[in-house]
Amino acid sequence: MAKFDYVDAKNTAKTLIDEFGASGSFTSPEANGGIDPATGDISAATPVVKTGVVTPVLNYKASEIDGTSVLNGDGYAFFYGTAPSIGDVHVQNGETWRVVSVSGLMSVEGVEVYIQVQLRK
């Protein structure tokens, strides 16, 4: 039985995302500030920015819109870089999108082939 080449699939996915995408980022609206235990001072909130390459936002097919997990107006993009988290914000072509789901394909050996990000305005 032939073994599927996940590394080759990852390279193909990266090539396609590079070809159709551009540099992009996802920003966590949550702060990573904290309290200094020695002084009690509260440090300033700093958003976490995850950068990589992202495709244009694509539309779901009508048959994929179920009114529950995928709503009318949702879109998705393929991404590689530091994986975004649910609630992160992405701005593309002047439109602000919020991450509502992150999925992808990873081999049993841990090769991450691609990340698909569901976005909502």
N, C-alpha and C. Protein backbone atom coordinates (compact mmCIF):
# COMPACT_ATOMS: atom_id res chain seq x y z
N MET A 1 0.84 -1.17 0.00
CA MET A 1 0.00 0.00 0.00
C MET A 1 0.89 1.25 0.00
N ALA A 2 0.63 2.15 -0.92
CA ALA A 2 1.42 3.37 -1.03
C ALA A 2 1.09 4.32 0.12
N LYS A 3 2.11 4.98 0.62
CA LYS A 3 1.94 5.94 1.72
C LYS A 3 1.75 7.33 1.13
N PHE A 4 0.74 8.04 1.65
CA PHE A 4 0.48 9.41 1.20
C PHE A 4 1.62 10.31 1.65
N ASP A 5 2.09 11.19 0.79
CA ASP A 5 3.20 12.08 1.09
C ASP A 5 2.67 13.42 1.60
N TYR A 6 2.53 13.54 2.92
CA TYR A 6 2.00 14.76 3.52
C TYR A 6 2.94 15.95 3.35
N VAL A 7 4.24 15.70 3.34
CA VAL A 7 5.19 16.80 3.14
C VAL A 7 5.01 17.39 1.75
N ASP A 8 4.83 16.52 0.75
CA ASP A 8 4.58 17.00 -0.61
C ASP A 8 3.26 17.78 -0.67
N ALA A 9 2.23 17.26 0.02
CA ALA A 9 0.94 17.96 0.04
C ALA A 9 1.06 19.32 0.72
N LYS A 10 1.85 19.40 1.80
CA LYS A 10 2.08 20.68 2.49
C LYS A 10 2.77 21.66 1.54
N ASN A 11 3.78 21.19 0.82
CA ASN A 11 4.50 22.06 -0.12
C ASN A 11 3.58 22.56 -1.23
N THR A 12 2.70 21.69 -1.71
CA THR A 12 1.73 22.10 -2.74
C THR A 12 0.77 23.14 -2.18
N ALA A 13 0.26 22.90 -0.97
CA ALA A 13 -0.66 23.87 -0.34
C ALA A 13 0.04 25.20 -0.14
N LYS A 14 1.28 25.18 0.33
CA LYS A 14 2.03 26.42 0.55
C LYS A 14 2.23 27.16 -0.76
N THR A 15 2.55 26.44 -1.82
CA THR A 15 2.74 27.06 -3.13
C THR A 15 1.46 27.75 -3.59
N LEU A 16 0.31 27.09 -3.43
CA LEU A 16 -0.97 27.67 -3.84
C LEU A 16 -1.33 28.89 -2.99
N ILE A 17 -1.11 28.80 -1.68
CA ILE A 17 -1.41 29.93 -0.81
C ILE A 17 -0.49 31.10 -1.15
N ASP A 18 0.78 30.83 -1.42
CA ASP A 18 1.71 31.89 -1.85
C ASP A 18 1.26 32.53 -3.16
N GLU A 19 0.81 31.69 -4.10
CA GLU A 19 0.43 32.18 -5.42
C GLU A 19 -0.80 33.08 -5.37
N PHE A 20 -1.80 32.68 -4.58
CA PHE A 20 -3.06 33.42 -4.56
C PHE A 20 -3.20 34.35 -3.36
N GLY A 21 -2.34 34.22 -2.38
CA GLY A 21 -2.46 35.00 -1.16
C GLY A 21 -1.42 36.10 -1.06
N ALA A 22 -1.34 36.66 0.14
CA ALA A 22 -0.38 37.73 0.43
C ALA A 22 -0.11 37.71 1.93
N SER A 23 0.89 38.48 2.34
CA SER A 23 1.18 38.58 3.77
C SER A 23 -0.07 39.07 4.49
N GLY A 24 -0.33 38.47 5.63
CA GLY A 24 -1.50 38.87 6.39
C GLY A 24 -1.31 38.54 7.86
N SER A 25 -2.24 39.01 8.67
CA SER A 25 -2.11 38.76 10.10
C SER A 25 -3.49 38.61 10.74
N PHE A 26 -3.47 37.98 11.90
CA PHE A 26 -4.63 37.82 12.75
C PHE A 26 -4.24 38.40 14.10
N THR A 27 -5.07 39.27 14.65
CA THR A 27 -4.75 39.92 15.91
C THR A 27 -5.72 39.50 16.99
N SER A 28 -5.17 39.09 18.11
CA SER A 28 -6.00 38.71 19.25
C SER A 28 -6.46 39.96 19.96
N PRO A 29 -7.77 40.10 20.15
CA PRO A 29 -8.26 41.29 20.87
C PRO A 29 -7.99 41.19 22.36
N GLU A 30 -7.61 40.00 22.82
CA GLU A 30 -7.32 39.81 24.23
C GLU A 30 -5.93 40.34 24.55
N ALA A 31 -5.78 40.85 25.75
CA ALA A 31 -4.50 41.38 26.18
C ALA A 31 -3.67 40.28 26.80
N ASN A 32 -2.36 40.42 26.70
CA ASN A 32 -1.49 39.49 27.39
C ASN A 32 -0.78 40.18 28.55
N GLY A 33 -1.34 41.29 29.03
CA GLY A 33 -0.79 41.99 30.18
C GLY A 33 -0.98 41.16 31.44
N GLY A 34 -0.42 41.61 32.51
CA GLY A 34 -0.55 40.86 33.76
C GLY A 34 -0.18 41.72 34.94
N ILE A 35 -0.16 41.10 36.09
CA ILE A 35 0.17 41.80 37.33
C ILE A 35 1.56 41.36 37.78
N ASP A 36 2.41 42.33 38.06
CA ASP A 36 3.75 42.04 38.58
C ASP A 36 3.59 41.64 40.04
N PRO A 37 3.91 40.39 40.41
CA PRO A 37 3.69 39.95 41.78
C PRO A 37 4.54 40.71 42.80
N ALA A 38 5.68 41.24 42.38
CA ALA A 38 6.55 41.95 43.31
C ALA A 38 6.02 43.33 43.66
N THR A 39 5.44 44.02 42.65
CA THR A 39 5.00 45.41 42.87
C THR A 39 3.50 45.58 42.86
N GLY A 40 2.78 44.62 42.26
CA GLY A 40 1.33 44.76 42.12
C GLY A 40 0.93 45.62 40.93
N ASP A 41 1.93 46.09 40.18
CA ASP A 41 1.64 46.93 39.01
C ASP A 41 1.00 46.09 37.92
N ILE A 42 0.06 46.68 37.21
CA ILE A 42 -0.59 46.03 36.08
C ILE A 42 0.09 46.49 34.81
N SER A 43 0.61 45.54 34.04
CA SER A 43 1.28 45.89 32.79
C SER A 43 0.25 46.20 31.71
N ALA A 44 0.69 47.00 30.75
CA ALA A 44 -0.19 47.39 29.66
C ALA A 44 -0.59 46.20 28.81
N ALA A 45 -1.80 46.25 28.30
CA ALA A 45 -2.30 45.20 27.41
C ALA A 45 -1.62 45.32 26.06
N THR A 46 -1.18 44.19 25.54
CA THR A 46 -0.55 44.16 24.22
C THR A 46 -1.22 43.08 23.40
N PRO A 47 -1.84 43.45 22.27
CA PRO A 47 -2.46 42.42 21.45
C PRO A 47 -1.42 41.46 20.88
N VAL A 48 -1.83 40.23 20.68
CA VAL A 48 -0.95 39.22 20.09
C VAL A 48 -1.24 39.17 18.60
N VAL A 49 -0.22 39.35 17.78
CA VAL A 49 -0.37 39.35 16.32
C VAL A 49 0.27 38.09 15.76
N LYS A 50 -0.51 37.36 14.97
CA LYS A 50 -0.03 36.13 14.33
C LYS A 50 0.08 36.41 12.83
N THR A 51 1.29 36.30 12.30
CA THR A 51 1.52 36.66 10.90
C THR A 51 1.78 35.42 10.06
N GLY A 52 1.57 35.60 8.77
CA GLY A 52 1.81 34.52 7.81
C GLY A 52 1.34 34.95 6.44
N VAL A 53 0.88 34.01 5.65
CA VAL A 53 0.36 34.27 4.31
C VAL A 53 -1.08 33.77 4.28
N VAL A 54 -1.98 34.61 3.79
CA VAL A 54 -3.41 34.30 3.78
C VAL A 54 -3.98 34.52 2.38
N THR A 55 -4.90 33.66 1.99
CA THR A 55 -5.57 33.82 0.69
C THR A 55 -6.67 34.87 0.82
N PRO A 56 -7.21 35.33 -0.30
CA PRO A 56 -8.40 36.17 -0.22
C PRO A 56 -9.53 35.40 0.47
N VAL A 57 -10.45 36.14 1.06
CA VAL A 57 -11.61 35.51 1.70
C VAL A 57 -12.50 34.93 0.61
N LEU A 58 -12.82 33.66 0.74
CA LEU A 58 -13.64 32.95 -0.23
C LEU A 58 -15.05 32.77 0.33
N ASN A 59 -16.03 32.71 -0.56
CA ASN A 59 -17.42 32.52 -0.15
C ASN A 59 -17.74 31.04 -0.02
N TYR A 60 -18.57 30.73 0.98
CA TYR A 60 -19.08 29.37 1.10
C TYR A 60 -20.12 29.13 0.01
N LYS A 61 -20.26 27.89 -0.42
CA LYS A 61 -21.31 27.51 -1.35
C LYS A 61 -22.64 27.57 -0.59
N ALA A 62 -23.72 27.81 -1.30
CA ALA A 62 -25.05 27.87 -0.66
C ALA A 62 -25.35 26.58 0.10
N SER A 63 -24.91 25.45 -0.42
CA SER A 63 -25.18 24.17 0.24
C SER A 63 -24.40 24.00 1.54
N GLU A 64 -23.35 24.80 1.75
CA GLU A 64 -22.54 24.71 2.97
C GLU A 64 -23.09 25.61 4.08
N ILE A 65 -23.97 26.54 3.73
CA ILE A 65 -24.52 27.47 4.71
C ILE A 65 -25.68 26.77 5.41
N ASP A 66 -25.47 26.46 6.70
CA ASP A 66 -26.49 25.71 7.44
C ASP A 66 -27.26 26.56 8.43
N GLY A 67 -26.91 27.84 8.56
CA GLY A 67 -27.60 28.73 9.49
C GLY A 67 -27.21 28.53 10.94
N THR A 68 -26.33 27.58 11.21
CA THR A 68 -25.89 27.32 12.58
C THR A 68 -24.39 27.54 12.71
N SER A 69 -23.61 26.66 12.10
CA SER A 69 -22.15 26.81 12.19
C SER A 69 -21.60 27.68 11.05
N VAL A 70 -22.27 27.69 9.93
CA VAL A 70 -21.90 28.55 8.80
C VAL A 70 -23.11 29.42 8.48
N LEU A 71 -22.91 30.74 8.63
CA LEU A 71 -23.99 31.68 8.40
C LEU A 71 -23.83 32.35 7.04
N ASN A 72 -24.93 32.87 6.53
CA ASN A 72 -24.90 33.65 5.30
C ASN A 72 -23.97 34.84 5.52
N GLY A 73 -23.03 35.05 4.64
CA GLY A 73 -22.07 36.14 4.79
C GLY A 73 -20.72 35.69 5.33
N ASP A 74 -20.65 34.49 5.90
CA ASP A 74 -19.36 33.96 6.36
C ASP A 74 -18.46 33.69 5.16
N GLY A 75 -17.18 33.70 5.41
CA GLY A 75 -16.21 33.35 4.40
C GLY A 75 -15.12 32.51 5.02
N TYR A 76 -14.18 32.09 4.20
CA TYR A 76 -13.05 31.34 4.73
C TYR A 76 -11.80 31.67 3.93
N ALA A 77 -10.67 31.44 4.56
CA ALA A 77 -9.39 31.67 3.90
C ALA A 77 -8.44 30.56 4.31
N PHE A 78 -7.47 30.30 3.46
CA PHE A 78 -6.41 29.36 3.80
C PHE A 78 -5.22 30.18 4.26
N PHE A 79 -4.47 29.63 5.21
CA PHE A 79 -3.42 30.40 5.88
C PHE A 79 -2.28 29.48 6.26
N TYR A 80 -1.07 30.01 6.24
CA TYR A 80 0.03 29.32 6.90
C TYR A 80 0.82 30.36 7.68
N GLY A 81 1.28 29.94 8.81
CA GLY A 81 1.96 30.80 9.76
C GLY A 81 1.55 30.34 11.14
N THR A 82 1.63 31.22 12.13
CA THR A 82 1.16 30.88 13.47
C THR A 82 -0.35 30.82 13.43
N ALA A 83 -0.91 29.69 13.79
CA ALA A 83 -2.36 29.47 13.67
C ALA A 83 -3.14 30.50 14.47
N PRO A 84 -4.16 31.10 13.85
CA PRO A 84 -5.01 32.04 14.60
C PRO A 84 -5.91 31.30 15.57
N SER A 85 -6.50 32.04 16.48
CA SER A 85 -7.42 31.49 17.48
C SER A 85 -8.81 32.04 17.23
N ILE A 86 -9.81 31.31 17.72
CA ILE A 86 -11.18 31.79 17.63
C ILE A 86 -11.26 33.14 18.35
N GLY A 87 -11.89 34.11 17.70
CA GLY A 87 -12.01 35.45 18.25
C GLY A 87 -10.97 36.42 17.72
N ASP A 88 -9.90 35.91 17.09
CA ASP A 88 -8.92 36.81 16.50
C ASP A 88 -9.57 37.61 15.38
N VAL A 89 -8.96 38.74 15.05
CA VAL A 89 -9.51 39.66 14.05
C VAL A 89 -8.55 39.73 12.87
N HIS A 90 -9.12 39.74 11.67
CA HIS A 90 -8.34 39.83 10.43
C HIS A 90 -8.97 40.93 9.57
N VAL A 91 -8.14 41.83 9.06
CA VAL A 91 -8.61 42.90 8.18
C VAL A 91 -8.08 42.63 6.79
N GLN A 92 -9.01 42.61 5.82
CA GLN A 92 -8.64 42.35 4.43
C GLN A 92 -9.49 43.24 3.54
N ASN A 93 -8.85 43.99 2.66
CA ASN A 93 -9.52 44.89 1.73
C ASN A 93 -10.48 45.84 2.46
N GLY A 94 -10.05 46.33 3.61
CA GLY A 94 -10.83 47.29 4.37
C GLY A 94 -11.98 46.68 5.17
N GLU A 95 -12.15 45.37 5.14
CA GLU A 95 -13.22 44.71 5.88
C GLU A 95 -12.62 43.96 7.06
N THR A 96 -13.30 44.06 8.20
CA THR A 96 -12.84 43.39 9.41
C THR A 96 -13.61 42.10 9.59
N TRP A 97 -12.88 41.03 9.76
CA TRP A 97 -13.44 39.69 9.93
C TRP A 97 -13.00 39.15 11.29
N ARG A 98 -13.86 38.35 11.92
CA ARG A 98 -13.55 37.68 13.17
C ARG A 98 -13.46 36.18 12.91
N VAL A 99 -12.46 35.54 13.50
CA VAL A 99 -12.28 34.10 13.35
C VAL A 99 -13.34 33.38 14.19
N VAL A 100 -14.13 32.51 13.54
CA VAL A 100 -15.13 31.73 14.27
C VAL A 100 -14.79 30.25 14.32
N SER A 101 -13.89 29.80 13.47
CA SER A 101 -13.49 28.40 13.46
C SER A 101 -12.14 28.27 12.78
N VAL A 102 -11.33 27.37 13.30
CA VAL A 102 -10.03 27.08 12.70
C VAL A 102 -9.96 25.56 12.51
N SER A 103 -9.71 25.14 11.29
CA SER A 103 -9.57 23.72 11.01
C SER A 103 -8.42 23.55 10.04
N GLY A 104 -8.18 22.34 9.66
CA GLY A 104 -7.10 22.10 8.71
C GLY A 104 -6.86 20.63 8.55
N LEU A 105 -5.72 20.33 8.00
CA LEU A 105 -5.34 18.94 7.77
C LEU A 105 -3.95 18.73 8.35
N MET A 106 -3.87 17.76 9.27
CA MET A 106 -2.59 17.41 9.86
C MET A 106 -2.44 15.89 9.83
N SER A 107 -1.25 15.44 9.46
CA SER A 107 -1.00 14.01 9.41
C SER A 107 -0.85 13.46 10.81
N VAL A 108 -0.89 12.15 10.92
CA VAL A 108 -0.67 11.48 12.20
C VAL A 108 0.73 11.79 12.73
N GLU A 109 1.67 11.99 11.81
CA GLU A 109 3.05 12.29 12.19
C GLU A 109 3.24 13.75 12.58
N GLY A 110 2.19 14.59 12.46
CA GLY A 110 2.28 15.98 12.86
C GLY A 110 2.63 16.96 11.76
N VAL A 111 2.55 16.55 10.51
CA VAL A 111 2.80 17.47 9.39
C VAL A 111 1.52 18.26 9.14
N GLU A 112 1.59 19.57 9.38
CA GLU A 112 0.43 20.44 9.14
C GLU A 112 0.40 20.82 7.67
N VAL A 113 -0.60 20.30 6.95
CA VAL A 113 -0.68 20.53 5.50
C VAL A 113 -1.23 21.92 5.22
N TYR A 114 -2.31 22.29 5.88
CA TYR A 114 -2.88 23.64 5.71
C TYR A 114 -3.76 23.98 6.90
N ILE A 115 -4.06 25.27 7.02
CA ILE A 115 -4.99 25.79 8.02
C ILE A 115 -6.12 26.47 7.25
N GLN A 116 -7.35 26.15 7.58
CA GLN A 116 -8.51 26.84 7.00
C GLN A 116 -9.18 27.61 8.12
N VAL A 117 -9.43 28.90 7.88
CA VAL A 117 -9.98 29.78 8.89
C VAL A 117 -11.35 30.26 8.44
N GLN A 118 -12.37 29.99 9.25
CA GLN A 118 -13.73 30.49 8.98
C GLN A 118 -13.83 31.89 9.55
N LEU A 119 -14.34 32.81 8.75
CA LEU A 119 -14.39 34.22 9.13
C LEU A 119 -15.83 34.75 9.07
N ARG A 120 -16.10 35.71 9.95
CA ARG A 120 -17.44 36.33 10.00
C ARG A 120 -17.26 37.83 10.24
N LYS A 121 -18.07 38.63 9.58
CA LYS A 121 -18.03 40.09 9.78
C LYS A 121 -18.77 40.47 11.03
